[in-house]
Amino acid sequence: MIGIAGTIRPLAVEPETLSRDMVVMGALTVSLFLIGYEFRGRQGRINRFYGMALLSVYVGYTGWLIINVLHR
């Protein structure tokens, strides 16, 4: 939804935020591709372990962002 709003009215974003988020989201995208491709068989399936690992990284990163904002 924010993509549509950003197209209509661009938002000002600090360069540090953009560079940090691009690195983290790029790494998570590559890891999701590698996990989803799974070279051992059943392509496109993510088991519970990998799903929980990805979810934990997402929750941890979001929590880290919130803590950083609150300490400014």
Protein backbone atom coordinates (compact mmCIF):
# COMPACT_ATOMS: atom_id res chain seq x y z
CA MET A 1 0.00 0.00 0.00
CA ILE A 2 2.82 2.42 0.76
CA GLY A 3 4.16 1.83 -2.75
CA ILE A 4 1.01 3.33 -4.27
CA ALA A 5 1.07 6.25 -1.83
CA GLY A 6 4.76 6.82 -2.61
CA THR A 7 3.97 6.91 -6.31
CA ILE A 8 1.31 9.56 -5.81
CA ARG A 9 3.31 11.63 -3.33
CA PRO A 10 6.99 10.70 -2.89
CA LEU A 11 8.27 10.44 0.68
CA ALA A 12 11.52 11.88 2.01
CA VAL A 13 13.74 9.05 3.26
CA GLU A 14 17.12 9.39 4.94
CA PRO A 15 19.97 7.79 2.95
CA GLU A 16 21.06 5.71 5.96
CA THR A 17 17.62 4.15 6.21
CA LEU A 18 17.50 3.29 2.54
CA SER A 19 20.98 1.74 2.45
CA ARG A 20 20.39 -0.29 5.65
CA ASP A 21 17.00 -1.62 4.56
CA MET A 22 18.18 -2.45 1.05
CA VAL A 23 21.00 -4.63 2.38
CA VAL A 24 18.80 -6.47 4.89
CA MET A 25 15.89 -7.00 2.49
CA GLY A 26 18.27 -8.07 -0.29
CA ALA A 27 19.87 -10.67 1.99
CA LEU A 28 16.47 -11.95 3.10
CA THR A 29 15.27 -12.17 -0.49
CA VAL A 30 18.32 -14.19 -1.53
CA SER A 31 17.94 -16.48 1.49
CA LEU A 32 14.24 -17.00 0.73
CA PHE A 33 15.12 -17.91 -2.85
CA LEU A 34 17.77 -20.40 -1.72
CA ILE A 35 15.48 -21.93 0.90
CA GLY A 36 12.57 -22.12 -1.54
CA TYR A 37 14.70 -23.62 -4.28
CA GLU A 38 16.01 -26.25 -1.86
CA PHE A 39 18.52 -28.27 -3.74
CA ARG A 40 17.51 -31.56 -2.05
CA GLY A 41 14.11 -31.94 -3.69
CA ARG A 42 10.57 -30.52 -3.16
CA GLN A 43 11.17 -27.17 -4.82
CA GLY A 44 8.98 -24.29 -3.70
CA ARG A 45 8.26 -25.78 -0.27
CA ILE A 46 9.54 -24.24 2.96
CA ASN A 47 9.50 -26.46 6.02
CA ARG A 48 8.61 -25.26 9.51
CA PHE A 49 12.21 -24.79 10.61
CA TYR A 50 13.05 -22.44 7.73
CA GLY A 51 9.71 -20.68 8.08
CA MET A 52 10.30 -20.03 11.77
CA ALA A 53 13.87 -18.91 11.05
CA LEU A 54 12.69 -16.37 8.46
CA LEU A 55 9.88 -15.19 10.72
CA SER A 56 12.30 -14.82 13.65
CA VAL A 57 14.68 -12.73 11.55
CA TYR A 58 11.80 -10.53 10.42
CA VAL A 59 10.46 -10.02 13.96
CA GLY A 60 13.96 -9.40 15.30
CA TYR A 61 14.76 -6.85 12.59
CA THR A 62 11.45 -5.05 13.11
CA GLY A 63 12.05 -4.97 16.86
CA TRP A 64 15.57 -3.62 16.31
CA LEU A 65 14.17 -0.85 14.10
CA ILE A 66 11.58 0.08 16.73
CA ILE A 67 14.19 0.17 19.50
CA ASN A 68 16.45 2.40 17.37
CA VAL A 69 13.60 4.83 16.70
CA LEU A 70 12.67 5.02 20.38
CA HIS A 71 16.26 5.79 21.42
CA ARG A 72 16.67 8.78 19.10
